[in-house]
PDBML (XML) file of the C-alpha atoms, coordinates in Angstrom:
<?xml version="1.0" encoding="UTF-8" ?>
<PDBx:datablock datablockName="MODEL"
   xmlns:PDBx="http://pdbml.pdb.org/schema/pdbx-v50.xsd"
   xmlns:xsi="http://www.w3.org/2001/XMLSchema-instance"
   xsi:schemaLocation="http://pdbml.pdb.org/schema/pdbx-v50.xsd pdbx-v50.xsd">
   <PDBx:atom_siteCategory>
      <PDBx:atom_site id="1">
         <PDBx:B_iso_or_equiv>0.00</PDBx:B_iso_or_equiv>
         <PDBx:Cartn_x>159.250</PDBx:Cartn_x>
         <PDBx:Cartn_y>-29.841</PDBx:Cartn_y>
         <PDBx:Cartn_z>113.514</PDBx:Cartn_z>
         <PDBx:auth_asym_id>A</PDBx:auth_asym_id>
         <PDBx:auth_atom_id>CA</PDBx:auth_atom_id>
         <PDBx:auth_comp_id>LYS</PDBx:auth_comp_id>
         <PDBx:auth_seq_id>1</PDBx:auth_seq_id>
         <PDBx:group_PDB>ATOM</PDBx:group_PDB>
         <PDBx:label_alt_id xsi:nil="true" />
         <PDBx:label_asym_id>A</PDBx:label_asym_id>
         <PDBx:label_atom_id>CA</PDBx:label_atom_id>
         <PDBx:label_comp_id>LYS</PDBx:label_comp_id>
         <PDBx:label_entity_id>1</PDBx:label_entity_id>
         <PDBx:label_seq_id>1</PDBx:label_seq_id>
         <PDBx:occupancy>1.00</PDBx:occupancy>
         <PDBx:pdbx_PDB_model_num>1</PDBx:pdbx_PDB_model_num>
         <PDBx:type_symbol>C</PDBx:type_symbol>
      </PDBx:atom_site>
      <PDBx:atom_site id="2">
         <PDBx:B_iso_or_equiv>0.00</PDBx:B_iso_or_equiv>
         <PDBx:Cartn_x>162.879</PDBx:Cartn_x>
         <PDBx:Cartn_y>-30.744</PDBx:Cartn_y>
         <PDBx:Cartn_z>112.857</PDBx:Cartn_z>
         <PDBx:auth_asym_id>A</PDBx:auth_asym_id>
         <PDBx:auth_atom_id>CA</PDBx:auth_atom_id>
         <PDBx:auth_comp_id>ARG</PDBx:auth_comp_id>
         <PDBx:auth_seq_id>2</PDBx:auth_seq_id>
         <PDBx:group_PDB>ATOM</PDBx:group_PDB>
         <PDBx:label_alt_id xsi:nil="true" />
         <PDBx:label_asym_id>A</PDBx:label_asym_id>
         <PDBx:label_atom_id>CA</PDBx:label_atom_id>
         <PDBx:label_comp_id>ARG</PDBx:label_comp_id>
         <PDBx:label_entity_id>1</PDBx:label_entity_id>
         <PDBx:label_seq_id>2</PDBx:label_seq_id>
         <PDBx:occupancy>1.00</PDBx:occupancy>
         <PDBx:pdbx_PDB_model_num>1</PDBx:pdbx_PDB_model_num>
         <PDBx:type_symbol>C</PDBx:type_symbol>
      </PDBx:atom_site>
      <PDBx:atom_site id="3">
         <PDBx:B_iso_or_equiv>0.00</PDBx:B_iso_or_equiv>
         <PDBx:Cartn_x>162.496</PDBx:Cartn_x>
         <PDBx:Cartn_y>-34.512</PDBx:Cartn_y>
         <PDBx:Cartn_z>113.235</PDBx:Cartn_z>
         <PDBx:auth_asym_id>A</PDBx:auth_asym_id>
         <PDBx:auth_atom_id>CA</PDBx:auth_atom_id>
         <PDBx:auth_comp_id>ASP</PDBx:auth_comp_id>
         <PDBx:auth_seq_id>3</PDBx:auth_seq_id>
         <PDBx:group_PDB>ATOM</PDBx:group_PDB>
         <PDBx:label_alt_id xsi:nil="true" />
         <PDBx:label_asym_id>A</PDBx:label_asym_id>
         <PDBx:label_atom_id>CA</PDBx:label_atom_id>
         <PDBx:label_comp_id>ASP</PDBx:label_comp_id>
         <PDBx:label_entity_id>1</PDBx:label_entity_id>
         <PDBx:label_seq_id>3</PDBx:label_seq_id>
         <PDBx:occupancy>1.00</PDBx:occupancy>
         <PDBx:pdbx_PDB_model_num>1</PDBx:pdbx_PDB_model_num>
         <PDBx:type_symbol>C</PDBx:type_symbol>
      </PDBx:atom_site>
      <PDBx:atom_site id="4">
         <PDBx:B_iso_or_equiv>0.00</PDBx:B_iso_or_equiv>
         <PDBx:Cartn_x>159.021</PDBx:Cartn_x>
         <PDBx:Cartn_y>-35.077</PDBx:Cartn_y>
         <PDBx:Cartn_z>111.794</PDBx:Cartn_z>
         <PDBx:auth_asym_id>A</PDBx:auth_asym_id>
         <PDBx:auth_atom_id>CA</PDBx:auth_atom_id>
         <PDBx:auth_comp_id>PHE</PDBx:auth_comp_id>
         <PDBx:auth_seq_id>4</PDBx:auth_seq_id>
         <PDBx:group_PDB>ATOM</PDBx:group_PDB>
         <PDBx:label_alt_id xsi:nil="true" />
         <PDBx:label_asym_id>A</PDBx:label_asym_id>
         <PDBx:label_atom_id>CA</PDBx:label_atom_id>
         <PDBx:label_comp_id>PHE</PDBx:label_comp_id>
         <PDBx:label_entity_id>1</PDBx:label_entity_id>
         <PDBx:label_seq_id>4</PDBx:label_seq_id>
         <PDBx:occupancy>1.00</PDBx:occupancy>
         <PDBx:pdbx_PDB_model_num>1</PDBx:pdbx_PDB_model_num>
         <PDBx:type_symbol>C</PDBx:type_symbol>
      </PDBx:atom_site>
      <PDBx:atom_site id="5">
         <PDBx:B_iso_or_equiv>0.00</PDBx:B_iso_or_equiv>
         <PDBx:Cartn_x>158.031</PDBx:Cartn_x>
         <PDBx:Cartn_y>-31.983</PDBx:Cartn_y>
         <PDBx:Cartn_z>109.836</PDBx:Cartn_z>
         <PDBx:auth_asym_id>A</PDBx:auth_asym_id>
         <PDBx:auth_atom_id>CA</PDBx:auth_atom_id>
         <PDBx:auth_comp_id>GLY</PDBx:auth_comp_id>
         <PDBx:auth_seq_id>5</PDBx:auth_seq_id>
         <PDBx:group_PDB>ATOM</PDBx:group_PDB>
         <PDBx:label_alt_id xsi:nil="true" />
         <PDBx:label_asym_id>A</PDBx:label_asym_id>
         <PDBx:label_atom_id>CA</PDBx:label_atom_id>
         <PDBx:label_comp_id>GLY</PDBx:label_comp_id>
         <PDBx:label_entity_id>1</PDBx:label_entity_id>
         <PDBx:label_seq_id>5</PDBx:label_seq_id>
         <PDBx:occupancy>1.00</PDBx:occupancy>
         <PDBx:pdbx_PDB_model_num>1</PDBx:pdbx_PDB_model_num>
         <PDBx:type_symbol>C</PDBx:type_symbol>
      </PDBx:atom_site>
      <PDBx:atom_site id="6">
         <PDBx:B_iso_or_equiv>0.00</PDBx:B_iso_or_equiv>
         <PDBx:Cartn_x>155.284</PDBx:Cartn_x>
         <PDBx:Cartn_y>-31.301</PDBx:Cartn_y>
         <PDBx:Cartn_z>112.377</PDBx:Cartn_z>
         <PDBx:auth_asym_id>A</PDBx:auth_asym_id>
         <PDBx:auth_atom_id>CA</PDBx:auth_atom_id>
         <PDBx:auth_comp_id>TYR</PDBx:auth_comp_id>
         <PDBx:auth_seq_id>6</PDBx:auth_seq_id>
         <PDBx:group_PDB>ATOM</PDBx:group_PDB>
         <PDBx:label_alt_id xsi:nil="true" />
         <PDBx:label_asym_id>A</PDBx:label_asym_id>
         <PDBx:label_atom_id>CA</PDBx:label_atom_id>
         <PDBx:label_comp_id>TYR</PDBx:label_comp_id>
         <PDBx:label_entity_id>1</PDBx:label_entity_id>
         <PDBx:label_seq_id>6</PDBx:label_seq_id>
         <PDBx:occupancy>1.00</PDBx:occupancy>
         <PDBx:pdbx_PDB_model_num>1</PDBx:pdbx_PDB_model_num>
         <PDBx:type_symbol>C</PDBx:type_symbol>
      </PDBx:atom_site>
      <PDBx:atom_site id="7">
         <PDBx:B_iso_or_equiv>0.00</PDBx:B_iso_or_equiv>
         <PDBx:Cartn_x>153.200</PDBx:Cartn_x>
         <PDBx:Cartn_y>-28.304</PDBx:Cartn_y>
         <PDBx:Cartn_z>111.334</PDBx:Cartn_z>
         <PDBx:auth_asym_id>A</PDBx:auth_asym_id>
         <PDBx:auth_atom_id>CA</PDBx:auth_atom_id>
         <PDBx:auth_comp_id>ASN</PDBx:auth_comp_id>
         <PDBx:auth_seq_id>7</PDBx:auth_seq_id>
         <PDBx:group_PDB>ATOM</PDBx:group_PDB>
         <PDBx:label_alt_id xsi:nil="true" />
         <PDBx:label_asym_id>A</PDBx:label_asym_id>
         <PDBx:label_atom_id>CA</PDBx:label_atom_id>
         <PDBx:label_comp_id>ASN</PDBx:label_comp_id>
         <PDBx:label_entity_id>1</PDBx:label_entity_id>
         <PDBx:label_seq_id>7</PDBx:label_seq_id>
         <PDBx:occupancy>1.00</PDBx:occupancy>
         <PDBx:pdbx_PDB_model_num>1</PDBx:pdbx_PDB_model_num>
         <PDBx:type_symbol>C</PDBx:type_symbol>
      </PDBx:atom_site>
      <PDBx:atom_site id="8">
         <PDBx:B_iso_or_equiv>0.00</PDBx:B_iso_or_equiv>
         <PDBx:Cartn_x>150.063</PDBx:Cartn_x>
         <PDBx:Cartn_y>-27.511</PDBx:Cartn_y>
         <PDBx:Cartn_z>113.379</PDBx:Cartn_z>
         <PDBx:auth_asym_id>A</PDBx:auth_asym_id>
         <PDBx:auth_atom_id>CA</PDBx:auth_atom_id>
         <PDBx:auth_comp_id>PRO</PDBx:auth_comp_id>
         <PDBx:auth_seq_id>8</PDBx:auth_seq_id>
         <PDBx:group_PDB>ATOM</PDBx:group_PDB>
         <PDBx:label_alt_id xsi:nil="true" />
         <PDBx:label_asym_id>A</PDBx:label_asym_id>
         <PDBx:label_atom_id>CA</PDBx:label_atom_id>
         <PDBx:label_comp_id>PRO</PDBx:label_comp_id>
         <PDBx:label_entity_id>1</PDBx:label_entity_id>
         <PDBx:label_seq_id>8</PDBx:label_seq_id>
         <PDBx:occupancy>1.00</PDBx:occupancy>
         <PDBx:pdbx_PDB_model_num>1</PDBx:pdbx_PDB_model_num>
         <PDBx:type_symbol>C</PDBx:type_symbol>
      </PDBx:atom_site>
      <PDBx:atom_site id="9">
         <PDBx:B_iso_or_equiv>0.00</PDBx:B_iso_or_equiv>
         <PDBx:Cartn_x>147.927</PDBx:Cartn_x>
         <PDBx:Cartn_y>-25.265</PDBx:Cartn_y>
         <PDBx:Cartn_z>111.188</PDBx:Cartn_z>
         <PDBx:auth_asym_id>A</PDBx:auth_asym_id>
         <PDBx:auth_atom_id>CA</PDBx:auth_atom_id>
         <PDBx:auth_comp_id>ASN</PDBx:auth_comp_id>
         <PDBx:auth_seq_id>9</PDBx:auth_seq_id>
         <PDBx:group_PDB>ATOM</PDBx:group_PDB>
         <PDBx:label_alt_id xsi:nil="true" />
         <PDBx:label_asym_id>A</PDBx:label_asym_id>
         <PDBx:label_atom_id>CA</PDBx:label_atom_id>
         <PDBx:label_comp_id>ASN</PDBx:label_comp_id>
         <PDBx:label_entity_id>1</PDBx:label_entity_id>
         <PDBx:label_seq_id>9</PDBx:label_seq_id>
         <PDBx:occupancy>1.00</PDBx:occupancy>
         <PDBx:pdbx_PDB_model_num>1</PDBx:pdbx_PDB_model_num>
         <PDBx:type_symbol>C</PDBx:type_symbol>
      </PDBx:atom_site>
      <PDBx:atom_site id="10">
         <PDBx:B_iso_or_equiv>0.00</PDBx:B_iso_or_equiv>
         <PDBx:Cartn_x>144.382</PDBx:Cartn_x>
         <PDBx:Cartn_y>-25.201</PDBx:Cartn_y>
         <PDBx:Cartn_z>112.595</PDBx:Cartn_z>
         <PDBx:auth_asym_id>A</PDBx:auth_asym_id>
         <PDBx:auth_atom_id>CA</PDBx:auth_atom_id>
         <PDBx:auth_comp_id>THR</PDBx:auth_comp_id>
         <PDBx:auth_seq_id>10</PDBx:auth_seq_id>
         <PDBx:group_PDB>ATOM</PDBx:group_PDB>
         <PDBx:label_alt_id xsi:nil="true" />
         <PDBx:label_asym_id>A</PDBx:label_asym_id>
         <PDBx:label_atom_id>CA</PDBx:label_atom_id>
         <PDBx:label_comp_id>THR</PDBx:label_comp_id>
         <PDBx:label_entity_id>1</PDBx:label_entity_id>
         <PDBx:label_seq_id>10</PDBx:label_seq_id>
         <PDBx:occupancy>1.00</PDBx:occupancy>
         <PDBx:pdbx_PDB_model_num>1</PDBx:pdbx_PDB_model_num>
         <PDBx:type_symbol>C</PDBx:type_symbol>
      </PDBx:atom_site>
      <PDBx:atom_site id="11">
         <PDBx:B_iso_or_equiv>0.00</PDBx:B_iso_or_equiv>
         <PDBx:Cartn_x>143.400</PDBx:Cartn_x>
         <PDBx:Cartn_y>-21.710</PDBx:Cartn_y>
         <PDBx:Cartn_z>113.848</PDBx:Cartn_z>
         <PDBx:auth_asym_id>A</PDBx:auth_asym_id>
         <PDBx:auth_atom_id>CA</PDBx:auth_atom_id>
         <PDBx:auth_comp_id>PRO</PDBx:auth_comp_id>
         <PDBx:auth_seq_id>11</PDBx:auth_seq_id>
         <PDBx:group_PDB>ATOM</PDBx:group_PDB>
         <PDBx:label_alt_id xsi:nil="true" />
         <PDBx:label_asym_id>A</PDBx:label_asym_id>
         <PDBx:label_atom_id>CA</PDBx:label_atom_id>
         <PDBx:label_comp_id>PRO</PDBx:label_comp_id>
         <PDBx:label_entity_id>1</PDBx:label_entity_id>
         <PDBx:label_seq_id>11</PDBx:label_seq_id>
         <PDBx:occupancy>1.00</PDBx:occupancy>
         <PDBx:pdbx_PDB_model_num>1</PDBx:pdbx_PDB_model_num>
         <PDBx:type_symbol>C</PDBx:type_symbol>
      </PDBx:atom_site>
      <PDBx:atom_site id="12">
         <PDBx:B_iso_or_equiv>0.00</PDBx:B_iso_or_equiv>
         <PDBx:Cartn_x>141.813</PDBx:Cartn_x>
         <PDBx:Cartn_y>-21.820</PDBx:Cartn_y>
         <PDBx:Cartn_z>117.295</PDBx:Cartn_z>
         <PDBx:auth_asym_id>A</PDBx:auth_asym_id>
         <PDBx:auth_atom_id>CA</PDBx:auth_atom_id>
         <PDBx:auth_comp_id>VAL</PDBx:auth_comp_id>
         <PDBx:auth_seq_id>12</PDBx:auth_seq_id>
         <PDBx:group_PDB>ATOM</PDBx:group_PDB>
         <PDBx:label_alt_id xsi:nil="true" />
         <PDBx:label_asym_id>A</PDBx:label_asym_id>
         <PDBx:label_atom_id>CA</PDBx:label_atom_id>
         <PDBx:label_comp_id>VAL</PDBx:label_comp_id>
         <PDBx:label_entity_id>1</PDBx:label_entity_id>
         <PDBx:label_seq_id>12</PDBx:label_seq_id>
         <PDBx:occupancy>1.00</PDBx:occupancy>
         <PDBx:pdbx_PDB_model_num>1</PDBx:pdbx_PDB_model_num>
         <PDBx:type_symbol>C</PDBx:type_symbol>
      </PDBx:atom_site>
      <PDBx:atom_site id="13">
         <PDBx:B_iso_or_equiv>0.00</PDBx:B_iso_or_equiv>
         <PDBx:Cartn_x>138.568</PDBx:Cartn_x>
         <PDBx:Cartn_y>-20.190</PDBx:Cartn_y>
         <PDBx:Cartn_z>116.156</PDBx:Cartn_z>
         <PDBx:auth_asym_id>A</PDBx:auth_asym_id>
         <PDBx:auth_atom_id>CA</PDBx:auth_atom_id>
         <PDBx:auth_comp_id>GLU</PDBx:auth_comp_id>
         <PDBx:auth_seq_id>13</PDBx:auth_seq_id>
         <PDBx:group_PDB>ATOM</PDBx:group_PDB>
         <PDBx:label_alt_id xsi:nil="true" />
         <PDBx:label_asym_id>A</PDBx:label_asym_id>
         <PDBx:label_atom_id>CA</PDBx:label_atom_id>
         <PDBx:label_comp_id>GLU</PDBx:label_comp_id>
         <PDBx:label_entity_id>1</PDBx:label_entity_id>
         <PDBx:label_seq_id>13</PDBx:label_seq_id>
         <PDBx:occupancy>1.00</PDBx:occupancy>
         <PDBx:pdbx_PDB_model_num>1</PDBx:pdbx_PDB_model_num>
         <PDBx:type_symbol>C</PDBx:type_symbol>
      </PDBx:atom_site>
      <PDBx:atom_site id="14">
         <PDBx:B_iso_or_equiv>0.00</PDBx:B_iso_or_equiv>
         <PDBx:Cartn_x>138.205</PDBx:Cartn_x>
         <PDBx:Cartn_y>-22.749</PDBx:Cartn_y>
         <PDBx:Cartn_z>113.351</PDBx:Cartn_z>
         <PDBx:auth_asym_id>A</PDBx:auth_asym_id>
         <PDBx:auth_atom_id>CA</PDBx:auth_atom_id>
         <PDBx:auth_comp_id>GLU</PDBx:auth_comp_id>
         <PDBx:auth_seq_id>14</PDBx:auth_seq_id>
         <PDBx:group_PDB>ATOM</PDBx:group_PDB>
         <PDBx:label_alt_id xsi:nil="true" />
         <PDBx:label_asym_id>A</PDBx:label_asym_id>
         <PDBx:label_atom_id>CA</PDBx:label_atom_id>
         <PDBx:label_comp_id>GLU</PDBx:label_comp_id>
         <PDBx:label_entity_id>1</PDBx:label_entity_id>
         <PDBx:label_seq_id>14</PDBx:label_seq_id>
         <PDBx:occupancy>1.00</PDBx:occupancy>
         <PDBx:pdbx_PDB_model_num>1</PDBx:pdbx_PDB_model_num>
         <PDBx:type_symbol>C</PDBx:type_symbol>
      </PDBx:atom_site>
      <PDBx:atom_site id="15">
         <PDBx:B_iso_or_equiv>0.00</PDBx:B_iso_or_equiv>
         <PDBx:Cartn_x>138.854</PDBx:Cartn_x>
         <PDBx:Cartn_y>-25.582</PDBx:Cartn_y>
         <PDBx:Cartn_z>115.783</PDBx:Cartn_z>
         <PDBx:auth_asym_id>A</PDBx:auth_asym_id>
         <PDBx:auth_atom_id>CA</PDBx:auth_atom_id>
         <PDBx:auth_comp_id>GLY</PDBx:auth_comp_id>
         <PDBx:auth_seq_id>15</PDBx:auth_seq_id>
         <PDBx:group_PDB>ATOM</PDBx:group_PDB>
         <PDBx:label_alt_id xsi:nil="true" />
         <PDBx:label_asym_id>A</PDBx:label_asym_id>
         <PDBx:label_atom_id>CA</PDBx:label_atom_id>
         <PDBx:label_comp_id>GLY</PDBx:label_comp_id>
         <PDBx:label_entity_id>1</PDBx:label_entity_id>
         <PDBx:label_seq_id>15</PDBx:label_seq_id>
         <PDBx:occupancy>1.00</PDBx:occupancy>
         <PDBx:pdbx_PDB_model_num>1</PDBx:pdbx_PDB_model_num>
         <PDBx:type_symbol>C</PDBx:type_symbol>
      </PDBx:atom_site>
      <PDBx:atom_site id="16">
         <PDBx:B_iso_or_equiv>0.00</PDBx:B_iso_or_equiv>
         <PDBx:Cartn_x>136.231</PDBx:Cartn_x>
         <PDBx:Cartn_y>-24.228</PDBx:Cartn_y>
         <PDBx:Cartn_z>118.167</PDBx:Cartn_z>
         <PDBx:auth_asym_id>A</PDBx:auth_asym_id>
         <PDBx:auth_atom_id>CA</PDBx:auth_atom_id>
         <PDBx:auth_comp_id>ILE</PDBx:auth_comp_id>
         <PDBx:auth_seq_id>16</PDBx:auth_seq_id>
         <PDBx:group_PDB>ATOM</PDBx:group_PDB>
         <PDBx:label_alt_id xsi:nil="true" />
         <PDBx:label_asym_id>A</PDBx:label_asym_id>
         <PDBx:label_atom_id>CA</PDBx:label_atom_id>
         <PDBx:label_comp_id>ILE</PDBx:label_comp_id>
         <PDBx:label_entity_id>1</PDBx:label_entity_id>
         <PDBx:label_seq_id>16</PDBx:label_seq_id>
         <PDBx:occupancy>1.00</PDBx:occupancy>
         <PDBx:pdbx_PDB_model_num>1</PDBx:pdbx_PDB_model_num>
         <PDBx:type_symbol>C</PDBx:type_symbol>
      </PDBx:atom_site>
      <PDBx:atom_site id="17">
         <PDBx:B_iso_or_equiv>0.00</PDBx:B_iso_or_equiv>
         <PDBx:Cartn_x>133.755</PDBx:Cartn_x>
         <PDBx:Cartn_y>-23.920</PDBx:Cartn_y>
         <PDBx:Cartn_z>115.297</PDBx:Cartn_z>
         <PDBx:auth_asym_id>A</PDBx:auth_asym_id>
         <PDBx:auth_atom_id>CA</PDBx:auth_atom_id>
         <PDBx:auth_comp_id>ARG</PDBx:auth_comp_id>
         <PDBx:auth_seq_id>17</PDBx:auth_seq_id>
         <PDBx:group_PDB>ATOM</PDBx:group_PDB>
         <PDBx:label_alt_id xsi:nil="true" />
         <PDBx:label_asym_id>A</PDBx:label_asym_id>
         <PDBx:label_atom_id>CA</PDBx:label_atom_id>
         <PDBx:label_comp_id>ARG</PDBx:label_comp_id>
         <PDBx:label_entity_id>1</PDBx:label_entity_id>
         <PDBx:label_seq_id>17</PDBx:label_seq_id>
         <PDBx:occupancy>1.00</PDBx:occupancy>
         <PDBx:pdbx_PDB_model_num>1</PDBx:pdbx_PDB_model_num>
         <PDBx:type_symbol>C</PDBx:type_symbol>
      </PDBx:atom_site>
      <PDBx:atom_site id="18">
         <PDBx:B_iso_or_equiv>0.00</PDBx:B_iso_or_equiv>
         <PDBx:Cartn_x>134.239</PDBx:Cartn_x>
         <PDBx:Cartn_y>-27.585</PDBx:Cartn_y>
         <PDBx:Cartn_z>114.365</PDBx:Cartn_z>
         <PDBx:auth_asym_id>A</PDBx:auth_asym_id>
         <PDBx:auth_atom_id>CA</PDBx:auth_atom_id>
         <PDBx:auth_comp_id>ARG</PDBx:auth_comp_id>
         <PDBx:auth_seq_id>18</PDBx:auth_seq_id>
         <PDBx:group_PDB>ATOM</PDBx:group_PDB>
         <PDBx:label_alt_id xsi:nil="true" />
         <PDBx:label_asym_id>A</PDBx:label_asym_id>
         <PDBx:label_atom_id>CA</PDBx:label_atom_id>
         <PDBx:label_comp_id>ARG</PDBx:label_comp_id>
         <PDBx:label_entity_id>1</PDBx:label_entity_id>
         <PDBx:label_seq_id>18</PDBx:label_seq_id>
         <PDBx:occupancy>1.00</PDBx:occupancy>
         <PDBx:pdbx_PDB_model_num>1</PDBx:pdbx_PDB_model_num>
         <PDBx:type_symbol>C</PDBx:type_symbol>
      </PDBx:atom_site>
      <PDBx:atom_site id="19">
         <PDBx:B_iso_or_equiv>0.00</PDBx:B_iso_or_equiv>
         <PDBx:Cartn_x>133.768</PDBx:Cartn_x>
         <PDBx:Cartn_y>-28.632</PDBx:Cartn_y>
         <PDBx:Cartn_z>117.984</PDBx:Cartn_z>
         <PDBx:auth_asym_id>A</PDBx:auth_asym_id>
         <PDBx:auth_atom_id>CA</PDBx:auth_atom_id>
         <PDBx:auth_comp_id>PHE</PDBx:auth_comp_id>
         <PDBx:auth_seq_id>19</PDBx:auth_seq_id>
         <PDBx:group_PDB>ATOM</PDBx:group_PDB>
         <PDBx:label_alt_id xsi:nil="true" />
         <PDBx:label_asym_id>A</PDBx:label_asym_id>
         <PDBx:label_atom_id>CA</PDBx:label_atom_id>
         <PDBx:label_comp_id>PHE</PDBx:label_comp_id>
         <PDBx:label_entity_id>1</PDBx:label_entity_id>
         <PDBx:label_seq_id>19</PDBx:label_seq_id>
         <PDBx:occupancy>1.00</PDBx:occupancy>
         <PDBx:pdbx_PDB_model_num>1</PDBx:pdbx_PDB_model_num>
         <PDBx:type_symbol>C</PDBx:type_symbol>
      </PDBx:atom_site>
      <PDBx:atom_site id="20">
         <PDBx:B_iso_or_equiv>0.00</PDBx:B_iso_or_equiv>
         <PDBx:Cartn_x>130.585</PDBx:Cartn_x>
         <PDBx:Cartn_y>-26.601</PDBx:Cartn_y>
         <PDBx:Cartn_z>118.349</PDBx:Cartn_z>
         <PDBx:auth_asym_id>A</PDBx:auth_asym_id>
         <PDBx:auth_atom_id>CA</PDBx:auth_atom_id>
         <PDBx:auth_comp_id>VAL</PDBx:auth_comp_id>
         <PDBx:auth_seq_id>20</PDBx:auth_seq_id>
         <PDBx:group_PDB>ATOM</PDBx:group_PDB>
         <PDBx:label_alt_id xsi:nil="true" />
         <PDBx:label_asym_id>A</PDBx:label_asym_id>
         <PDBx:label_atom_id>CA</PDBx:label_atom_id>
         <PDBx:label_comp_id>VAL</PDBx:label_comp_id>
         <PDBx:label_entity_id>1</PDBx:label_entity_id>
         <PDBx:label_seq_id>20</PDBx:label_seq_id>
         <PDBx:occupancy>1.00</PDBx:occupancy>
         <PDBx:pdbx_PDB_model_num>1</PDBx:pdbx_PDB_model_num>
         <PDBx:type_symbol>C</PDBx:type_symbol>
      </PDBx:atom_site>
      <PDBx:atom_site id="21">
         <PDBx:B_iso_or_equiv>0.00</PDBx:B_iso_or_equiv>
         <PDBx:Cartn_x>129.174</PDBx:Cartn_x>
         <PDBx:Cartn_y>-28.104</PDBx:Cartn_y>
         <PDBx:Cartn_z>115.146</PDBx:Cartn_z>
         <PDBx:auth_asym_id>A</PDBx:auth_asym_id>
         <PDBx:auth_atom_id>CA</PDBx:auth_atom_id>
         <PDBx:auth_comp_id>GLU</PDBx:auth_comp_id>
         <PDBx:auth_seq_id>21</PDBx:auth_seq_id>
         <PDBx:group_PDB>ATOM</PDBx:group_PDB>
         <PDBx:label_alt_id xsi:nil="true" />
         <PDBx:label_asym_id>A</PDBx:label_asym_id>
         <PDBx:label_atom_id>CA</PDBx:label_atom_id>
         <PDBx:label_comp_id>GLU</PDBx:label_comp_id>
         <PDBx:label_entity_id>1</PDBx:label_entity_id>
         <PDBx:label_seq_id>21</PDBx:label_seq_id>
         <PDBx:occupancy>1.00</PDBx:occupancy>
         <PDBx:pdbx_PDB_model_num>1</PDBx:pdbx_PDB_model_num>
         <PDBx:type_symbol>C</PDBx:type_symbol>
      </PDBx:atom_site>
      <PDBx:atom_site id="22">
         <PDBx:B_iso_or_equiv>0.00</PDBx:B_iso_or_equiv>
         <PDBx:Cartn_x>129.857</PDBx:Cartn_x>
         <PDBx:Cartn_y>-31.587</PDBx:Cartn_y>
         <PDBx:Cartn_z>116.508</PDBx:Cartn_z>
         <PDBx:auth_asym_id>A</PDBx:auth_asym_id>
         <PDBx:auth_atom_id>CA</PDBx:auth_atom_id>
         <PDBx:auth_comp_id>TRP</PDBx:auth_comp_id>
         <PDBx:auth_seq_id>22</PDBx:auth_seq_id>
         <PDBx:group_PDB>ATOM</PDBx:group_PDB>
         <PDBx:label_alt_id xsi:nil="true" />
         <PDBx:label_asym_id>A</PDBx:label_asym_id>
         <PDBx:label_atom_id>CA</PDBx:label_atom_id>
         <PDBx:label_comp_id>TRP</PDBx:label_comp_id>
         <PDBx:label_entity_id>1</PDBx:label_entity_id>
         <PDBx:label_seq_id>22</PDBx:label_seq_id>
         <PDBx:occupancy>1.00</PDBx:occupancy>
         <PDBx:pdbx_PDB_model_num>1</PDBx:pdbx_PDB_model_num>
         <PDBx:type_symbol>C</PDBx:type_symbol>
      </PDBx:atom_site>
      <PDBx:atom_site id="23">
         <PDBx:B_iso_or_equiv>0.00</PDBx:B_iso_or_equiv>
         <PDBx:Cartn_x>128.441</PDBx:Cartn_x>
         <PDBx:Cartn_y>-30.712</PDBx:Cartn_y>
         <PDBx:Cartn_z>119.934</PDBx:Cartn_z>
         <PDBx:auth_asym_id>A</PDBx:auth_asym_id>
         <PDBx:auth_atom_id>CA</PDBx:auth_atom_id>
         <PDBx:auth_comp_id>TYR</PDBx:auth_comp_id>
         <PDBx:auth_seq_id>23</PDBx:auth_seq_id>
         <PDBx:group_PDB>ATOM</PDBx:group_PDB>
         <PDBx:label_alt_id xsi:nil="true" />
         <PDBx:label_asym_id>A</PDBx:label_asym_id>
         <PDBx:label_atom_id>CA</PDBx:label_atom_id>
         <PDBx:label_comp_id>TYR</PDBx:label_comp_id>
         <PDBx:label_entity_id>1</PDBx:label_entity_id>
         <PDBx:label_seq_id>23</PDBx:label_seq_id>
         <PDBx:occupancy>1.00</PDBx:occupancy>
         <PDBx:pdbx_PDB_model_num>1</PDBx:pdbx_PDB_model_num>
         <PDBx:type_symbol>C</PDBx:type_symbol>
      </PDBx:atom_site>
      <PDBx:atom_site id="24">
         <PDBx:B_iso_or_equiv>0.00</PDBx:B_iso_or_equiv>
         <PDBx:Cartn_x>125.185</PDBx:Cartn_x>
         <PDBx:Cartn_y>-29.338</PDBx:Cartn_y>
         <PDBx:Cartn_z>118.525</PDBx:Cartn_z>
         <PDBx:auth_asym_id>A</PDBx:auth_asym_id>
         <PDBx:auth_atom_id>CA</PDBx:auth_atom_id>
         <PDBx:auth_comp_id>ARG</PDBx:auth_comp_id>
         <PDBx:auth_seq_id>24</PDBx:auth_seq_id>
         <PDBx:group_PDB>ATOM</PDBx:group_PDB>
         <PDBx:label_alt_id xsi:nil="true" />
         <PDBx:label_asym_id>A</PDBx:label_asym_id>
         <PDBx:label_atom_id>CA</PDBx:label_atom_id>
         <PDBx:label_comp_id>ARG</PDBx:label_comp_id>
         <PDBx:label_entity_id>1</PDBx:label_entity_id>
         <PDBx:label_seq_id>24</PDBx:label_seq_id>
         <PDBx:occupancy>1.00</PDBx:occupancy>
         <PDBx:pdbx_PDB_model_num>1</PDBx:pdbx_PDB_model_num>
         <PDBx:type_symbol>C</PDBx:type_symbol>
      </PDBx:atom_site>
   </PDBx:atom_siteCategory>
</PDBx:datablock>
């Protein structure tokens, strides 16, 4: 975060939902 402004902001449930949509 300090060196690159890294900011992970994807909630786990939303990430799972996107995976499931792709999988189906």
